[in-house]
Every structure is written in C-alpha cells, then in structure tokens.
Amino acid sequence: MREKVLKKSIEIYNKYRSPLATAELIQVEEDRFKVRFEGSFCFSCGMDEYLMDFVYILNSKGFEAELSEFRSKDKEELVAEYKILN
C-alpha cells in the first residue's frame, strides 16, 4: 500500500514538475524512504521547495511524511530522505 501511494505521488509530482525536477523512488524501508530528484531546477527557488512539494502531494493522498535530510550529489541531482509518520 505504501509503495503504491509513493509511486502514484511521484507520478503526480513528475507530471507537474518535470523537466525542471523529476523524482524517482530509490529506497523504501519500514519508517522512511528515499527519492532522487534530478533536473535543472529553478535556482531562484529554494531547493528545499522542490522537496517539500513532494510532501504536500503525499499529504493530499492521506500519507504523512516529513523531510528528514537531503544531500546534493551535484547541481542537477538531490537525494532526499523522508520519515514516514503514519
């Protein structure tokens, strides 16, 4: 169930954010998951806005999560870890 909601949320995210930012689910654990974000991004926006937009999509699906950390691999790739709250 969780993975299905995550994949659907990524599909919605990519529909509206790609090609500036494209998300890919890379890891799911019991209480957390990781998403890779790639793209040229809009550097006038805060990078965390791209990551928080994904939380808002999850919340709209009844899935509670929070951004716990992220790291930049280069200027066109971020990996975000989210903590599952429900």
PDB file of N, CA and C in Angstrom:
ATOM      1  N   MET A   1       0.826  -1.200   0.000  1.00  0.00           N
ATOM      2  CA  MET A   1       0.000   0.000   0.000  1.00  0.00           C
ATOM      3  C   MET A   1       0.869   1.261   0.000  1.00  0.00           C
ATOM      4  N   ARG A   2       1.855   1.304   0.909  1.00  0.00           N
ATOM      5  CA  ARG A   2       2.716   2.494   0.986  1.00  0.00           C
ATOM      6  C   ARG A   2       3.432   2.753  -0.328  1.00  0.00           C
ATOM      7  N   GLU A   3       4.008   1.686  -0.867  1.00  0.00           N
ATOM      8  CA  GLU A   3       4.771   1.861  -2.098  1.00  0.00           C
ATOM      9  C   GLU A   3       3.868   2.312  -3.247  1.00  0.00           C
ATOM     10  N   LYS A   4       2.643   1.838  -3.263  1.00  0.00           N
ATOM     11  CA  LYS A   4       1.685   2.247  -4.300  1.00  0.00           C
ATOM     12  C   LYS A   4       1.386   3.743  -4.198  1.00  0.00           C
ATOM     13  N   VAL A   5       1.170   4.234  -2.973  1.00  0.00           N
ATOM     14  CA  VAL A   5       0.912   5.666  -2.760  1.00  0.00           C
ATOM     15  C   VAL A   5       2.145   6.484  -3.133  1.00  0.00           C
ATOM     16  N   LEU A   6       3.321   6.004  -2.760  1.00  0.00           N
ATOM     17  CA  LEU A   6       4.556   6.714  -3.097  1.00  0.00           C
ATOM     18  C   LEU A   6       4.730   6.818  -4.612  1.00  0.00           C
ATOM     19  N   LYS A   7       4.521   5.714  -5.308  1.00  0.00           N
ATOM     20  CA  LYS A   7       4.690   5.720  -6.765  1.00  0.00           C
ATOM     21  C   LYS A   7       3.665   6.622  -7.449  1.00  0.00           C
ATOM     22  N   LYS A   8       2.431   6.607  -6.985  1.00  0.00           N
ATOM     23  CA  LYS A   8       1.395   7.480  -7.553  1.00  0.00           C
ATOM     24  C   LYS A   8       1.740   8.948  -7.292  1.00  0.00           C
ATOM     25  N   SER A   9       2.239   9.241  -6.096  1.00  0.00           N
ATOM     26  CA  SER A   9       2.626  10.613  -5.756  1.00  0.00           C
ATOM     27  C   SER A   9       3.786  11.085  -6.623  1.00  0.00           C
ATOM     28  N   ILE A  10       4.722  10.202  -6.903  1.00  0.00           N
ATOM     29  CA  ILE A  10       5.842  10.552  -7.779  1.00  0.00           C
ATOM     30  C   ILE A  10       5.338  10.812  -9.196  1.00  0.00           C
ATOM     31  N   GLU A  11       4.393  10.010  -9.637  1.00  0.00           N
ATOM     32  CA  GLU A  11       3.795  10.218 -10.961  1.00  0.00           C
ATOM     33  C   GLU A  11       3.160  11.613 -11.053  1.00  0.00           C
ATOM     34  N   ILE A  12       2.419  11.997 -10.024  1.00  0.00           N
ATOM     35  CA  ILE A  12       1.794  13.328  -9.988  1.00  0.00           C
ATOM     36  C   ILE A  12       2.863  14.415  -9.940  1.00  0.00           C
ATOM     37  N   TYR A  13       3.867  14.241  -9.086  1.00  0.00           N
ATOM     38  CA  TYR A  13       4.956  15.207  -8.961  1.00  0.00           C
ATOM     39  C   TYR A  13       5.606  15.435 -10.331  1.00  0.00           C
ATOM     40  N   ASN A  14       5.955  14.343 -11.002  1.00  0.00           N
ATOM     41  CA  ASN A  14       6.642  14.452 -12.291  1.00  0.00           C
ATOM     42  C   ASN A  14       5.761  15.083 -13.363  1.00  0.00           C
ATOM     43  N   LYS A  15       4.474  14.852 -13.283  1.00  0.00           N
ATOM     44  CA  LYS A  15       3.547  15.443 -14.256  1.00  0.00           C
ATOM     45  C   LYS A  15       3.629  16.971 -14.231  1.00  0.00           C
ATOM     46  N   TYR A  16       3.768  17.536 -13.042  1.00  0.00           N
ATOM     47  CA  TYR A  16       3.753  18.998 -12.898  1.00  0.00           C
ATOM     48  C   TYR A  16       5.137  19.631 -12.762  1.00  0.00           C
ATOM     49  N   ARG A  17       6.150  18.886 -12.374  1.00  0.00           N
ATOM     50  CA  ARG A  17       7.466  19.483 -12.121  1.00  0.00           C
ATOM     51  C   ARG A  17       8.502  19.187 -13.205  1.00  0.00           C
ATOM     52  N   SER A  18       8.320  18.094 -13.931  1.00  0.00           N
ATOM     53  CA  SER A  18       9.290  17.709 -14.946  1.00  0.00           C
ATOM     54  C   SER A  18       9.162  18.649 -16.155  1.00  0.00           C
ATOM     55  N   PRO A  19      10.211  19.054 -16.800  1.00  0.00           N
ATOM     56  CA  PRO A  19      11.580  18.589 -16.705  1.00  0.00           C
ATOM     57  C   PRO A  19      12.458  19.360 -15.715  1.00  0.00           C
ATOM     58  N   LEU A  20      11.931  20.412 -15.068  1.00  0.00           N
ATOM     59  CA  LEU A  20      12.764  21.144 -14.099  1.00  0.00           C
ATOM     60  C   LEU A  20      13.221  20.251 -12.957  1.00  0.00           C
ATOM     61  N   ALA A  21      12.352  19.365 -12.512  1.00  0.00           N
ATOM     62  CA  ALA A  21      12.687  18.415 -11.450  1.00  0.00           C
ATOM     63  C   ALA A  21      11.901  17.134 -11.707  1.00  0.00           C
ATOM     64  N   THR A  22      12.610  16.018 -11.716  1.00  0.00           N
ATOM     65  CA  THR A  22      11.992  14.713 -11.919  1.00  0.00           C
ATOM     66  C   THR A  22      12.359  13.824 -10.739  1.00  0.00           C
ATOM     67  N   ALA A  23      11.350  13.192 -10.142  1.00  0.00           N
ATOM     68  CA  ALA A  23      11.557  12.360  -8.953  1.00  0.00           C
ATOM     69  C   ALA A  23      11.571  10.885  -9.320  1.00  0.00           C
ATOM     70  N   GLU A  24      12.356  10.119  -8.547  1.00  0.00           N
ATOM     71  CA  GLU A  24      12.416   8.663  -8.707  1.00  0.00           C
ATOM     72  C   GLU A  24      12.559   8.042  -7.323  1.00  0.00           C
ATOM     73  N   LEU A  25      11.695   7.110  -6.998  1.00  0.00           N
ATOM     74  CA  LEU A  25      11.768   6.389  -5.727  1.00  0.00           C
ATOM     75  C   LEU A  25      12.950   5.439  -5.790  1.00  0.00           C
ATOM     76  N   ILE A  26      13.887   5.550  -4.836  1.00  0.00           N
ATOM     77  CA  ILE A  26      15.077   4.695  -4.894  1.00  0.00           C
ATOM     78  C   ILE A  26      15.190   3.729  -3.717  1.00  0.00           C
ATOM     79  N   GLN A  27      14.452   3.986  -2.628  1.00  0.00           N
ATOM     80  CA  GLN A  27      14.545   3.076  -1.480  1.00  0.00           C
ATOM     81  C   GLN A  27      13.328   3.249  -0.584  1.00  0.00           C
ATOM     82  N   VAL A  28      12.783   2.128  -0.099  1.00  0.00           N
ATOM     83  CA  VAL A  28      11.675   2.158   0.850  1.00  0.00           C
ATOM     84  C   VAL A  28      12.029   1.232   2.002  1.00  0.00           C
ATOM     85  N   GLU A  29      11.964   1.764   3.217  1.00  0.00           N
ATOM     86  CA  GLU A  29      12.170   0.977   4.427  1.00  0.00           C
ATOM     87  C   GLU A  29      10.913   1.091   5.278  1.00  0.00           C
ATOM     88  N   GLU A  30      10.915   0.457   6.427  1.00  0.00           N
ATOM     89  CA  GLU A  30       9.727   0.439   7.275  1.00  0.00           C
ATOM     90  C   GLU A  30       9.270   1.831   7.684  1.00  0.00           C
ATOM     91  N   ASP A  31      10.197   2.695   8.060  1.00  0.00           N
ATOM     92  CA  ASP A  31       9.815   4.009   8.587  1.00  0.00           C
ATOM     93  C   ASP A  31      10.359   5.190   7.794  1.00  0.00           C
ATOM     94  N   ARG A  32      10.934   4.916   6.619  1.00  0.00           N
ATOM     95  CA  ARG A  32      11.494   6.001   5.805  1.00  0.00           C
ATOM     96  C   ARG A  32      11.641   5.571   4.356  1.00  0.00           C
ATOM     97  N   PHE A  33      11.863   6.540   3.503  1.00  0.00           N
ATOM     98  CA  PHE A  33      12.091   6.248   2.087  1.00  0.00           C
ATOM     99  C   PHE A  33      12.960   7.345   1.490  1.00  0.00           C
ATOM    100  N   LYS A  34      13.593   7.031   0.350  1.00  0.00           N
ATOM    101  CA  LYS A  34      14.462   7.984  -0.334  1.00  0.00           C
ATOM    102  C   LYS A  34      13.973   8.202  -1.755  1.00  0.00           C
ATOM    103  N   VAL A  35      14.100   9.454  -2.174  1.00  0.00           N
ATOM    104  CA  VAL A  35      13.711   9.855  -3.523  1.00  0.00           C
ATOM    105  C   VAL A  35      14.866  10.637  -4.142  1.00  0.00           C
ATOM    106  N   ARG A  36      15.194  10.293  -5.385  1.00  0.00           N
ATOM    107  CA  ARG A  36      16.205  11.046  -6.134  1.00  0.00           C
ATOM    108  C   ARG A  36      15.468  12.082  -6.982  1.00  0.00           C
ATOM    109  N   PHE A  37      15.930  13.314  -6.914  1.00  0.00           N
ATOM    110  CA  PHE A  37      15.394  14.401  -7.730  1.00  0.00           C
ATOM    111  C   PHE A  37      16.485  14.831  -8.695  1.00  0.00           C
ATOM    112  N   GLU A  38      16.156  14.848  -9.979  1.00  0.00           N
ATOM    113  CA  GLU A  38      17.112  15.271 -10.996  1.00  0.00           C
ATOM    114  C   GLU A  38      16.478  16.333 -11.875  1.00  0.00           C
ATOM    115  N   GLY A  39      17.307  17.224 -12.373  1.00  0.00           N
ATOM    116  CA  GLY A  39      16.816  18.244 -13.284  1.00  0.00           C
ATOM    117  C   GLY A  39      17.647  19.498 -13.207  1.00  0.00           C
ATOM    118  N   SER A  40      17.243  20.468 -13.987  1.00  0.00           N
ATOM    119  CA  SER A  40      17.965  21.742 -13.984  1.00  0.00           C
ATOM    120  C   SER A  40      17.508  22.623 -12.836  1.00  0.00           C
ATOM    121  N   PHE A  41      16.347  22.326 -12.246  1.00  0.00           N
ATOM    122  CA  PHE A  41      15.760  23.079 -11.147  1.00  0.00           C
ATOM    123  C   PHE A  41      15.669  24.568 -11.502  1.00  0.00           C
ATOM    124  N   CYS A  42      14.991  25.295 -10.704  1.00  0.00           N
ATOM    125  CA  CYS A  42      14.912  26.743 -10.843  1.00  0.00           C
ATOM    126  C   CYS A  42      15.706  27.294  -9.665  1.00  0.00           C
ATOM    127  N   PHE A  43      16.875  27.819  -9.922  1.00  0.00           N
ATOM    128  CA  PHE A  43      17.748  28.206  -8.824  1.00  0.00           C
ATOM    129  C   PHE A  43      17.287  29.460  -8.097  1.00  0.00           C
ATOM    130  N   SER A  44      16.313  30.172  -8.659  1.00  0.00           N
ATOM    131  CA  SER A  44      15.777  31.315  -7.919  1.00  0.00           C
ATOM    132  C   SER A  44      14.860  30.837  -6.796  1.00  0.00           C
ATOM    133  N   CYS A  45      14.363  29.601  -6.920  1.00  0.00           N
ATOM    134  CA  CYS A  45      13.551  28.997  -5.851  1.00  0.00           C
ATOM    135  C   CYS A  45      14.506  28.328  -4.868  1.00  0.00           C
ATOM    136  N   GLY A  46      14.081  28.169  -3.643  1.00  0.00           N
ATOM    137  CA  GLY A  46      14.882  27.404  -2.697  1.00  0.00           C
ATOM    138  C   GLY A  46      14.839  25.936  -3.087  1.00  0.00           C
ATOM    139  N   MET A  47      15.957  25.256  -3.027  1.00  0.00           N
ATOM    140  CA  MET A  47      15.998  23.846  -3.408  1.00  0.00           C
ATOM    141  C   MET A  47      15.052  23.017  -2.556  1.00  0.00           C
ATOM    142  N   ASP A  48      14.895  23.394  -1.297  1.00  0.00           N
ATOM    143  CA  ASP A  48      14.011  22.618  -0.420  1.00  0.00           C
ATOM    144  C   ASP A  48      12.548  22.705  -0.852  1.00  0.00           C
ATOM    145  N   GLU A  49      12.191  23.725  -1.627  1.00  0.00           N
ATOM    146  CA  GLU A  49      10.808  23.831  -2.112  1.00  0.00           C
ATOM    147  C   GLU A  49      10.447  22.653  -3.010  1.00  0.00           C
ATOM    148  N   TYR A  50      11.377  22.197  -3.824  1.00  0.00           N
ATOM    149  CA  TYR A  50      11.123  21.030  -4.668  1.00  0.00           C
ATOM    150  C   TYR A  50      10.875  19.795  -3.809  1.00  0.00           C
ATOM    151  N   LEU A  51      11.609  19.682  -2.720  1.00  0.00           N
ATOM    152  CA  LEU A  51      11.488  18.520  -1.837  1.00  0.00           C
ATOM    153  C   LEU A  51      10.220  18.591  -1.000  1.00  0.00           C
ATOM    154  N   MET A  52       9.853  19.782  -0.567  1.00  0.00           N
ATOM    155  CA  MET A  52       8.634  19.948   0.234  1.00  0.00           C
ATOM    156  C   MET A  52       7.373  19.820  -0.615  1.00  0.00           C
ATOM    157  N   ASP A  53       7.436  20.182  -1.879  1.00  0.00           N
ATOM    158  CA  ASP A  53       6.283  19.986  -2.767  1.00  0.00           C
ATOM    159  C   ASP A  53       5.862  18.522  -2.775  1.00  0.00           C
ATOM    160  N   PHE A  54       6.843  17.626  -2.709  1.00  0.00           N
ATOM    161  CA  PHE A  54       6.530  16.197  -2.694  1.00  0.00           C
ATOM    162  C   PHE A  54       5.776  15.819  -1.419  1.00  0.00           C
ATOM    163  N   VAL A  55       6.135  16.415  -0.288  1.00  0.00           N
ATOM    164  CA  VAL A  55       5.423  16.168   0.980  1.00  0.00           C
ATOM    165  C   VAL A  55       3.966  16.603   0.849  1.00  0.00           C
ATOM    166  N   TYR A  56       3.727  17.745   0.226  1.00  0.00           N
ATOM    167  CA  TYR A  56       2.351  18.237   0.062  1.00  0.00           C
ATOM    168  C   TYR A  56       1.514  17.283  -0.791  1.00  0.00           C
ATOM    169  N   ILE A  57       2.120  16.722  -1.826  1.00  0.00           N
ATOM    170  CA  ILE A  57       1.400  15.746  -2.653  1.00  0.00           C
ATOM    171  C   ILE A  57       1.073  14.508  -1.829  1.00  0.00           C
ATOM    172  N   LEU A  58       2.033  14.027  -1.044  1.00  0.00           N
ATOM    173  CA  LEU A  58       1.786  12.865  -0.180  1.00  0.00           C
ATOM    174  C   LEU A  58       0.648  13.146   0.793  1.00  0.00           C
ATOM    175  N   ASN A  59       0.685  14.314   1.413  1.00  0.00           N
ATOM    176  CA  ASN A  59      -0.360  14.678   2.376  1.00  0.00           C
ATOM    177  C   ASN A  59      -1.737  14.678   1.726  1.00  0.00           C
ATOM    178  N   SER A  60      -1.824  15.115   0.481  1.00  0.00           N
ATOM    179  CA  SER A  60      -3.113  15.137  -0.214  1.00  0.00           C
ATOM    180  C   SER A  60      -3.643  13.725  -0.465  1.00  0.00           C
ATOM    181  N   LYS A  61      -2.768  12.732  -0.389  1.00  0.00           N
ATOM    182  CA  LYS A  61      -3.150  11.329  -0.558  1.00  0.00           C
ATOM    183  C   LYS A  61      -3.358  10.631   0.790  1.00  0.00           C
ATOM    184  N   GLY A  62      -3.310  11.408   1.902  1.00  0.00           N
ATOM    185  CA  GLY A  62      -3.502  10.829   3.229  1.00  0.00           C
ATOM    186  C   GLY A  62      -2.263  10.155   3.793  1.00  0.00           C
ATOM    187  N   PHE A  63      -1.112  10.423   3.198  1.00  0.00           N
ATOM    188  CA  PHE A  63       0.157   9.818   3.594  1.00  0.00           C
ATOM    189  C   PHE A  63       0.985  10.891   4.289  1.00  0.00           C
ATOM    190  N   GLU A  64       1.294  10.692   5.556  1.00  0.00           N
ATOM    191  CA  GLU A  64       2.044  11.703   6.309  1.00  0.00           C
ATOM    192  C   GLU A  64       3.529  11.365   6.334  1.00  0.00           C
ATOM    193  N   ALA A  65       4.323  12.338   5.929  1.00  0.00           N
ATOM    194  CA  ALA A  65       5.775  12.178   5.922  1.00  0.00           C
ATOM    195  C   ALA A  65       6.405  13.544   6.125  1.00  0.00           C
ATOM    196  N   GLU A  66       7.659  13.519   6.553  1.00  0.00           N
ATOM    197  CA  GLU A  66       8.405  14.772   6.687  1.00  0.00           C
ATOM    198  C   GLU A  66       9.800  14.577   6.113  1.00  0.00           C
ATOM    199  N   LEU A  67      10.338  15.647   5.581  1.00  0.00           N
ATOM    200  CA  LEU A  67      11.694  15.630   5.055  1.00  0.00           C
ATOM    201  C   LEU A  67      12.648  15.520   6.233  1.00  0.00           C
ATOM    202  N   SER A  68      13.494  14.487   6.248  1.00  0.00           N
ATOM    203  CA  SER A  68      14.423  14.351   7.364  1.00  0.00           C
ATOM    204  C   SER A  68      15.828  14.813   7.004  1.00  0.00           C
ATOM    205  N   GLU A  69      16.225  14.626   5.751  1.00  0.00           N
ATOM    206  CA  GLU A  69      17.527  15.138   5.313  1.00  0.00           C
ATOM    207  C   GLU A  69      17.616  15.066   3.798  1.00  0.00           C
ATOM    208  N   PHE A  70      18.553  15.814   3.252  1.00  0.00           N
ATOM    209  CA  PHE A  70      18.828  15.705   1.824  1.00  0.00           C
ATOM    210  C   PHE A  70      20.279  16.056   1.573  1.00  0.00           C
ATOM    211  N   ARG A  71      20.775  15.543   0.460  1.00  0.00           N
ATOM    212  CA  ARG A  71      22.150  15.858   0.067  1.00  0.00           C
ATOM    213  C   ARG A  71      22.182  16.092  -1.432  1.00  0.00           C
ATOM    214  N   SER A  72      23.064  16.944  -1.816  1.00  0.00           N
ATOM    215  CA  SER A  72      23.232  17.272  -3.222  1.00  0.00           C
ATOM    216  C   SER A  72      24.401  16.465  -3.762  1.00  0.00           C
ATOM    217  N   LYS A  73      24.144  15.689  -4.809  1.00  0.00           N
ATOM    218  CA  LYS A  73      25.227  14.934  -5.438  1.00  0.00           C
ATOM    219  C   LYS A  73      25.978  15.828  -6.424  1.00  0.00           C
ATOM    220  N   ASP A  74      25.243  16.681  -7.086  1.00  0.00           N
ATOM    221  CA  ASP A  74      25.798  17.727  -7.942  1.00  0.00           C
ATOM    222  C   ASP A  74      24.696  18.751  -8.153  1.00  0.00           C
ATOM    223  N   LYS A  75      24.920  19.738  -8.998  1.00  0.00           N
ATOM    224  CA  LYS A  75      23.926  20.811  -9.105  1.00  0.00           C
ATOM    225  C   LYS A  75      22.633  20.372  -9.775  1.00  0.00           C
ATOM    226  N   GLU A  76      22.602  19.176 -10.362  1.00  0.00           N
ATOM    227  CA  GLU A  76      21.382  18.693 -11.011  1.00  0.00           C
ATOM    228  C   GLU A  76      20.843  17.406 -10.399  1.00  0.00           C
ATOM    229  N   GLU A  77      21.295  17.054  -9.188  1.00  0.00           N
ATOM    230  CA  GLU A  77      20.781  15.842  -8.537  1.00  0.00           C
ATOM    231  C   GLU A  77      20.779  15.997  -7.020  1.00  0.00           C
ATOM    232  N   LEU A  78      19.626  15.719  -6.433  1.00  0.00           N
ATOM    233  CA  LEU A  78      19.459  15.714  -4.976  1.00  0.00           C
ATOM    234  C   LEU A  78      18.885  14.368  -4.567  1.00  0.00           C
ATOM    235  N   VAL A  79      19.293  13.875  -3.397  1.00  0.00           N
ATOM    236  CA  VAL A  79      18.676  12.685  -2.821  1.00  0.00           C
ATOM    237  C   VAL A  79      18.084  13.109  -1.485  1.00  0.00           C
ATOM    238  N   ALA A  80      16.777  12.898  -1.348  1.00  0.00           N
ATOM    239  CA  ALA A  80      16.061  13.298  -0.134  1.00  0.00           C
ATOM    240  C   ALA A  80      15.596  12.062   0.619  1.00  0.00           C
ATOM    241  N   GLU A  81      15.708  12.128   1.945  1.00  0.00           N
ATOM    242  CA  GLU A  81      15.181  11.065   2.797  1.00  0.00           C
ATOM    243  C   GLU A  81      13.996  11.629   3.566  1.00  0.00           C
ATOM    244  N   TYR A  82      12.910  10.893   3.552  1.00  0.00           N
ATOM    245  CA  TYR A  82      11.680  11.289   4.230  1.00  0.00           C
ATOM    246  C   TYR A  82      11.363  10.278   5.319  1.00  0.00           C
ATOM    247  N   LYS A  83      10.846  10.761   6.430  1.00  0.00           N
ATOM    248  CA  LYS A  83      10.406   9.899   7.525  1.00  0.00           C
ATOM    249  C   LYS A  83       8.897   9.718   7.409  1.00  0.00           C
ATOM    250  N   ILE A  84       8.438   8.466   7.506  1.00  0.00           N
ATOM    251  CA  ILE A  84       7.013   8.152   7.446  1.00  0.00           C
ATOM    252  C   ILE A  84       6.406   8.378   8.825  1.00  0.00           C
ATOM    253  N   LEU A  85       5.331   9.150   8.899  1.00  0.00           N
ATOM    254  CA  LEU A  85       4.712   9.498  10.178  1.00  0.00           C
ATOM    255  C   LEU A  85       3.441   8.712  10.477  1.00  0.00           C
ATOM    256  N   ASN A  86       2.842   8.063   9.485  1.00  0.00           N
ATOM    257  CA  ASN A  86       1.623   7.287   9.763  1.00  0.00           C
ATOM    258  C   ASN A  86       1.734   5.866   9.277  1.00  0.00           C
TER     259      ASN A  86
END
